[in-house]
Structures are given as structure tokens and as C-alpha cells.
N, C-alpha and C. Protein backbone atom coordinates (compact mmCIF):
# COMPACT_ATOMS: atom_id res chain seq x y z
N MET A 1 25.68 -11.48 17.76
CA MET A 1 24.75 -11.54 18.47
C MET A 1 24.63 -12.99 18.72
N ALA A 2 23.85 -12.66 20.10
CA ALA A 2 24.03 -14.10 20.72
C ALA A 2 22.49 -15.03 20.57
N SER A 3 22.66 -16.31 20.68
CA SER A 3 21.57 -16.92 20.37
C SER A 3 19.96 -16.34 20.03
N ASP A 4 20.17 -16.10 21.44
CA ASP A 4 18.77 -15.74 22.25
C ASP A 4 18.42 -14.65 21.53
N MET A 5 18.91 -13.76 20.79
CA MET A 5 18.45 -12.43 20.56
C MET A 5 18.21 -12.65 18.38
N LEU A 6 16.75 -12.04 18.49
CA LEU A 6 16.87 -11.77 16.86
C LEU A 6 17.15 -10.68 15.76
N HIS A 7 17.57 -10.84 15.28
CA HIS A 7 17.54 -9.50 14.16
C HIS A 7 16.62 -8.88 13.01
N ILE A 8 15.91 -8.24 14.06
CA ILE A 8 14.74 -7.89 12.51
C ILE A 8 14.68 -6.62 12.03
N GLU A 9 13.53 -6.28 11.54
CA GLU A 9 13.03 -5.01 10.82
C GLU A 9 11.40 -4.14 11.34
N VAL A 10 11.50 -2.98 11.24
CA VAL A 10 10.55 -3.14 11.32
C VAL A 10 9.76 -1.60 10.27
N ALA A 11 9.08 -1.54 9.54
CA ALA A 11 8.74 -0.74 8.50
C ALA A 11 7.80 -0.22 8.32
N TYR A 12 7.89 0.83 8.34
CA TYR A 12 6.85 1.78 7.72
C TYR A 12 6.52 2.99 6.71
N ALA A 13 5.80 2.76 5.92
CA ALA A 13 5.84 3.60 4.79
C ALA A 13 4.90 4.85 4.62
N LEU A 14 4.99 6.05 4.27
CA LEU A 14 3.84 7.07 3.85
C LEU A 14 4.32 7.20 2.14
N PRO A 15 3.32 8.24 1.81
CA PRO A 15 3.44 8.60 0.46
C PRO A 15 4.92 8.62 -0.34
N THR A 16 5.30 9.91 0.37
CA THR A 16 6.98 10.44 0.52
C THR A 16 7.79 9.92 1.25
N GLU A 17 7.82 8.76 2.09
CA GLU A 17 9.29 8.25 2.47
C GLU A 17 8.38 7.00 3.79
N GLN A 18 9.94 6.23 3.49
CA GLN A 18 9.71 5.03 3.69
C GLN A 18 10.85 4.73 5.03
N ARG A 19 10.65 4.28 6.14
CA ARG A 19 11.48 4.05 7.54
C ARG A 19 11.95 2.55 7.68
N ILE A 20 12.77 2.38 7.55
CA ILE A 20 12.91 0.92 8.68
C ILE A 20 14.00 0.75 9.47
N PHE A 21 13.25 0.60 10.44
CA PHE A 21 13.93 0.59 12.33
C PHE A 21 13.95 -0.87 12.39
N GLU A 22 16.04 -1.10 12.13
CA GLU A 22 16.28 -2.21 12.53
C GLU A 22 16.39 -2.50 14.13
N LEU A 23 16.70 -3.63 14.76
CA LEU A 23 16.71 -3.60 16.34
C LEU A 23 16.81 -5.05 16.28
N GLU A 24 17.38 -5.26 17.96
CA GLU A 24 17.40 -6.59 17.72
C GLU A 24 16.67 -6.75 19.31
N VAL A 25 16.02 -8.17 18.87
CA VAL A 25 14.82 -8.52 20.12
C VAL A 25 15.23 -9.87 20.75
N PRO A 26 14.59 -9.99 22.31
CA PRO A 26 14.80 -11.20 22.68
C PRO A 26 14.23 -12.30 21.74
N ALA A 27 14.06 -13.38 21.60
CA ALA A 27 14.14 -15.23 20.74
C ALA A 27 12.14 -14.65 21.14
N ASP A 28 11.66 -14.74 22.42
CA ASP A 28 10.49 -14.45 22.31
C ASP A 28 9.50 -13.43 22.56
N CYS A 29 9.73 -12.56 22.06
CA CYS A 29 9.16 -11.52 21.35
C CYS A 29 8.45 -11.55 20.68
N ASP A 30 7.27 -10.78 20.87
CA ASP A 30 5.97 -11.16 19.75
C ASP A 30 6.43 -9.64 18.65
N VAL A 31 5.18 -9.44 17.44
CA VAL A 31 5.09 -8.74 17.01
C VAL A 31 4.83 -7.09 17.30
N GLU A 32 3.70 -7.19 18.43
CA GLU A 32 3.15 -6.21 18.95
C GLU A 32 4.29 -5.55 20.20
N GLN A 33 5.37 -6.28 20.29
CA GLN A 33 6.20 -6.00 21.30
C GLN A 33 7.76 -5.33 20.87
N ALA A 34 8.16 -5.99 19.34
CA ALA A 34 8.89 -5.71 18.76
C ALA A 34 8.76 -3.74 18.21
N ILE A 35 7.01 -3.67 17.43
CA ILE A 35 7.27 -2.51 17.18
C ILE A 35 7.03 -1.44 18.21
N LYS A 36 7.16 -1.91 19.53
CA LYS A 36 6.74 -0.91 20.93
C LYS A 36 8.34 -0.41 20.80
N ARG A 37 9.14 -2.07 20.82
CA ARG A 37 10.65 -1.41 20.42
C ARG A 37 11.42 -0.67 20.07
N SER A 38 10.73 -0.57 18.87
CA SER A 38 11.72 0.04 17.97
C SER A 38 11.52 1.19 17.81
N GLY A 39 10.59 1.97 18.47
CA GLY A 39 10.56 3.77 18.22
C GLY A 39 9.32 3.99 17.39
N VAL A 40 9.17 3.56 16.34
CA VAL A 40 8.40 3.55 15.35
C VAL A 40 7.29 4.02 15.45
N LEU A 41 6.53 3.82 16.75
CA LEU A 41 5.13 4.70 17.23
C LEU A 41 5.58 6.00 17.87
N GLU A 42 7.07 6.24 18.56
CA GLU A 42 7.26 7.48 18.79
C GLU A 42 7.36 8.59 17.56
N ALA A 43 8.02 8.37 16.20
CA ALA A 43 7.94 8.89 15.52
C ALA A 43 7.10 8.87 14.55
N TYR A 44 6.17 8.05 14.50
CA TYR A 44 4.69 8.72 14.00
C TYR A 44 3.64 8.21 14.58
N PRO A 45 3.10 9.19 15.60
CA PRO A 45 2.00 8.88 16.74
C PRO A 45 0.65 8.63 15.50
N GLN A 46 0.68 8.33 14.51
CA GLN A 46 -0.54 8.38 13.88
C GLN A 46 -0.94 6.87 13.99
N ILE A 47 0.27 6.11 13.96
CA ILE A 47 -0.21 4.55 14.00
C ILE A 47 -1.13 4.00 15.60
N ASP A 48 -1.74 3.76 14.82
CA ASP A 48 -2.73 3.05 15.62
C ASP A 48 -3.01 1.48 15.79
N LEU A 49 -2.13 0.39 16.65
CA LEU A 49 -2.45 -0.97 16.60
C LEU A 49 -3.38 -1.63 16.89
N GLU A 50 -4.59 -0.79 17.44
CA GLU A 50 -5.82 -1.46 17.64
C GLU A 50 -6.29 -1.58 16.24
N THR A 51 -6.18 -0.27 14.93
CA THR A 51 -6.69 -0.10 14.15
C THR A 51 -6.10 -0.67 12.63
N ASP A 52 -4.57 -0.03 12.55
CA ASP A 52 -3.66 -0.37 11.69
C ASP A 52 -3.41 -2.08 11.58
N LYS A 53 -3.24 -2.82 10.76
CA LYS A 53 -3.01 -4.26 10.47
C LYS A 53 -1.64 -3.97 10.16
N VAL A 54 -0.92 -5.11 10.62
CA VAL A 54 0.26 -5.15 10.31
C VAL A 54 0.71 -6.80 9.63
N GLY A 55 1.72 -6.74 9.01
CA GLY A 55 2.36 -8.26 8.80
C GLY A 55 3.61 -8.35 9.09
N ILE A 56 4.23 -9.34 8.09
CA ILE A 56 5.43 -9.87 8.09
C ILE A 56 5.52 -10.14 6.67
N PHE A 57 6.94 -9.71 5.97
CA PHE A 57 6.84 -9.77 4.58
C PHE A 57 6.00 -9.75 3.72
N GLY A 58 4.95 -8.75 4.16
CA GLY A 58 3.77 -8.73 3.17
C GLY A 58 2.35 -9.46 3.37
N LYS A 59 2.50 -10.46 4.40
CA LYS A 59 1.37 -10.99 4.80
C LYS A 59 0.97 -10.66 6.02
N ILE A 60 -0.10 -10.74 5.80
CA ILE A 60 -1.23 -10.12 7.23
C ILE A 60 -1.12 -11.21 8.73
N SER A 61 -0.24 -10.70 9.44
CA SER A 61 0.07 -11.00 10.74
C SER A 61 -0.65 -10.70 11.93
N LYS A 62 -0.87 -11.39 13.43
CA LYS A 62 -1.29 -10.78 14.46
C LYS A 62 -0.50 -10.21 15.10
N LEU A 63 -0.86 -9.06 16.22
CA LEU A 63 0.29 -8.49 16.73
C LEU A 63 0.62 -9.66 17.44
N ASN A 64 -0.06 -10.62 18.54
CA ASN A 64 1.32 -11.58 19.24
C ASN A 64 1.68 -12.88 18.10
N ALA A 65 1.99 -12.39 16.75
CA ALA A 65 2.66 -13.77 16.44
C ALA A 65 4.30 -13.57 16.90
N ASN A 66 4.87 -14.97 16.66
CA ASN A 66 6.19 -15.15 17.15
C ASN A 66 7.02 -14.56 15.87
N LEU A 67 8.20 -14.03 16.28
CA LEU A 67 9.19 -13.85 15.15
C LEU A 67 9.90 -14.87 14.72
N ARG A 68 10.77 -14.86 14.29
CA ARG A 68 12.13 -15.37 13.59
C ARG A 68 13.24 -14.17 12.92
N ASN A 69 14.08 -14.93 13.27
CA ASN A 69 15.41 -14.04 13.15
C ASN A 69 15.08 -13.42 11.32
N LYS A 70 15.53 -11.98 11.41
CA LYS A 70 15.43 -11.20 9.86
C LYS A 70 14.38 -11.06 9.66
N ASP A 71 13.15 -11.52 10.66
CA ASP A 71 11.45 -11.04 9.71
C ASP A 71 12.09 -9.25 9.64
N ARG A 72 10.51 -9.18 8.40
CA ARG A 72 10.74 -7.68 8.64
C ARG A 72 9.36 -7.48 8.85
N ILE A 73 8.60 -6.71 9.83
CA ILE A 73 7.19 -6.32 10.38
C ILE A 73 7.02 -5.10 9.34
N GLU A 74 5.76 -4.96 8.86
CA GLU A 74 5.08 -4.29 8.21
C GLU A 74 4.25 -3.76 8.93
N ILE A 75 4.15 -2.18 9.31
CA ILE A 75 2.94 -1.48 9.59
C ILE A 75 2.04 -0.72 8.19
N TYR A 76 1.06 -1.26 8.00
CA TYR A 76 0.15 -0.85 6.87
C TYR A 76 -0.89 0.35 7.40
N ARG A 77 -0.87 1.54 6.41
CA ARG A 77 -1.71 2.30 6.59
C ARG A 77 -2.88 1.86 5.94
N LYS A 78 -4.27 2.74 6.40
CA LYS A 78 -5.48 2.61 6.06
C LYS A 78 -5.51 3.30 4.54
N LEU A 79 -6.27 2.63 4.08
CA LEU A 79 -6.49 2.99 2.44
C LEU A 79 -7.38 4.39 1.93
N ILE A 80 -6.83 5.21 1.18
CA ILE A 80 -7.42 6.27 1.04
C ILE A 80 -8.74 6.37 0.06
N ALA A 81 -8.69 5.36 -0.80
CA ALA A 81 -9.51 5.04 -1.38
C ALA A 81 -9.70 3.38 -2.08
N ASP A 82 -10.94 2.97 -2.31
CA ASP A 82 -11.01 1.20 -2.34
C ASP A 82 -10.43 1.14 -3.60
N PRO A 83 -9.48 0.24 -3.77
CA PRO A 83 -8.60 -0.16 -4.67
C PRO A 83 -10.00 -0.07 -6.69
N LYS A 84 -11.01 -1.40 -5.82
CA LYS A 84 -11.62 -1.89 -6.60
C LYS A 84 -12.39 -0.81 -7.27
N GLU A 85 -12.91 -0.11 -6.24
CA GLU A 85 -13.87 1.14 -6.98
C GLU A 85 -12.52 2.22 -8.11
N SER A 86 -11.37 2.50 -7.63
CA SER A 86 -10.86 3.03 -7.96
C SER A 86 -10.54 2.47 -9.68
N ARG A 87 -10.27 1.17 -9.87
CA ARG A 87 -10.36 0.72 -11.37
C ARG A 87 -11.46 0.70 -12.12
N ARG A 88 -12.78 0.63 -11.35
CA ARG A 88 -13.70 0.69 -12.36
C ARG A 88 -13.85 2.31 -12.76
N GLN A 89 -13.61 3.09 -11.41
CA GLN A 89 -13.93 4.46 -12.16
C GLN A 89 -12.75 4.75 -13.33
N LYS A 90 -11.41 4.38 -13.09
CA LYS A 90 -10.27 4.16 -14.35
C LYS A 90 -11.08 3.87 -15.50
N VAL A 91 -11.59 2.64 -15.60
CA VAL A 91 -12.06 2.06 -16.81
C VAL A 91 -13.36 2.83 -17.25
N GLU A 92 -14.30 3.00 -16.56
CA GLU A 92 -15.46 3.79 -17.28
C GLU A 92 -14.98 5.56 -17.48
N MET A 93 -14.27 5.94 -17.25
CA MET A 93 -13.37 6.87 -18.14
C MET A 93 -13.02 6.72 -18.68
N GLU A 94 -11.93 5.60 -19.63
CA GLU A 94 -11.15 4.84 -20.63
C GLU A 94 -12.60 5.31 -21.25
N ARG A 95 -13.54 4.18 -21.32
CA ARG A 95 -15.13 3.53 -21.91
C ARG A 95 -15.04 5.49 -22.72
N LYS A 96 -15.64 6.04 -21.49
CA LYS A 96 -16.28 7.33 -21.93
C LYS A 96 -15.12 8.15 -23.60
N LYS A 97 -14.26 7.76 -22.97
CA LYS A 97 -12.65 8.91 -23.92
C LYS A 97 -13.03 7.87 -24.99
N ALA A 98 -13.32 6.91 -25.45
CA ALA A 98 -13.02 6.18 -26.60
C ALA A 98 -14.00 6.13 -26.91
N ALA A 99 -15.57 6.59 -26.39
CA ALA A 99 -16.77 7.02 -27.11
C ALA A 99 -16.64 8.23 -27.67
N GLN A 100 -16.23 9.20 -26.99
CA GLN A 100 -15.78 9.97 -27.49
C GLN A 100 -15.14 10.22 -28.42
N GLU A 101 -14.20 9.72 -28.58
CA GLU A 101 -12.92 9.21 -29.82
C GLU A 101 -13.25 9.49 -31.04
N VAL A 102 -14.75 8.04 -30.89
CA VAL A 102 -15.35 7.40 -32.30
C VAL A 102 -16.08 8.69 -32.30
N GLN A 103 -16.91 9.32 -31.79
CA GLN A 103 -17.94 10.00 -32.00
C GLN A 103 -17.62 11.12 -32.65
N LYS A 104 -16.23 11.70 -32.30
CA LYS A 104 -15.51 13.10 -33.42
C LYS A 104 -15.23 12.36 -34.32
N ALA A 105 -14.68 11.14 -34.34
CA ALA A 105 -14.01 10.78 -35.68
C ALA A 105 -15.30 10.18 -36.78
N ASN A 106 -16.36 9.93 -36.49
CA ASN A 106 -17.31 9.94 -37.36
C ASN A 106 -18.18 11.35 -37.35
N THR A 107 -18.01 12.39 -36.89
CA THR A 107 -18.87 13.82 -37.52
C THR A 107 -17.59 13.83 -37.61
N ALA A 108 -16.42 13.93 -37.82
CA ALA A 108 -15.53 14.25 -38.82
C ALA A 108 -15.33 13.63 -40.26
N SER A 109 -15.80 12.34 -39.97
CA SER A 109 -16.29 11.95 -41.55
C SER A 109 -17.32 12.16 -42.11
N ALA A 110 -18.10 12.24 -41.67
CA ALA A 110 -19.50 13.14 -41.72
C ALA A 110 -19.28 14.07 -42.85
N LYS A 111 -18.34 15.32 -41.80
CA LYS A 111 -18.43 16.94 -42.64
C LYS A 111 -18.11 16.68 -43.72
N GLU A 112 -16.20 15.22 -44.17
CA GLU A 112 -16.03 15.22 -45.15
C GLU A 112 -16.92 14.38 -46.53
N LYS A 113 -17.90 13.60 -45.89
CA LYS A 113 -18.83 13.54 -46.88
C LYS A 113 -19.41 14.51 -47.75
N ASP A 114 -20.13 15.30 -46.79
CA ASP A 114 -20.73 16.16 -46.94
C ASP A 114 -20.25 17.36 -47.64
N ALA A 115 -19.11 17.65 -47.40
CA ALA A 115 -17.88 18.61 -48.01
C ALA A 115 -17.79 18.01 -49.53
N LYS A 116 -17.95 17.08 -49.81
CA LYS A 116 -17.41 16.39 -50.87
C LYS A 116 -18.83 16.46 -52.27
N SER A 117 -19.99 16.01 -51.48
CA SER A 117 -21.02 16.00 -52.23
C SER A 117 -21.57 17.12 -52.78
N VAL A 118 -20.91 18.57 -52.16
CA VAL A 118 -21.30 19.84 -52.68
C VAL A 118 -21.10 20.21 -53.99
């Protein structure tokens, strides 16, 4: 590899697959240029660089950010559900389930007491 070229990766993941495109780009290439050169936009036409966020090794980045050798550009999909709201709903469901189990145990215990007093 010539010193004026960078070896980088462009990663995109769906729920059922992950693709990593490896390529060499000129040293002055930015994130957007590298994404366009990688072929990921042709392989996944649903990617919209106007709205989808991108990052380098998990850290959000701008499309005009400079690259370094061995960087991995990641293209992030839109979230289907808000993670905070999903966690809140899960906790609420667990609380309701626990309350039902306590009530069920209390009802069973009361029935046992009634059966013994007869």
C-alpha cells in the first residue's frame, strides 16, 4: 500500500446480516467519499446519508470528517423503537407480573387457611 493511501472499512448491519466493505482510499478522502467508493450504497439503497447517522469505531462522525489508516466507518440504521421507552415498558410488565404472582400466592394462602378452619 502506498503511503498516500488508507486502508479502511465501511460497515453496515441489518438485523439478519452484517457487511464490511474493505477498500483503499486516498489519504485526503473523507467519510462521505469513502462510503460512496465502497459500494455500500448500491448494495443497500435504503441507506440515506442525508438522514442516517455515521460513525468511526462507534463514535458519531460528520460526513466531512478526515479518515485515518485502518478506520472503520459505520452506517447506523434508524431505531424502530426508542430504547428508553422499551426499557420502561419492560420494567412495567415485570412489575405487573410480580404483583400478579404475589396476589396469586396470597389467594392460595387464604384458601389454605379457609380449608384448615373448616
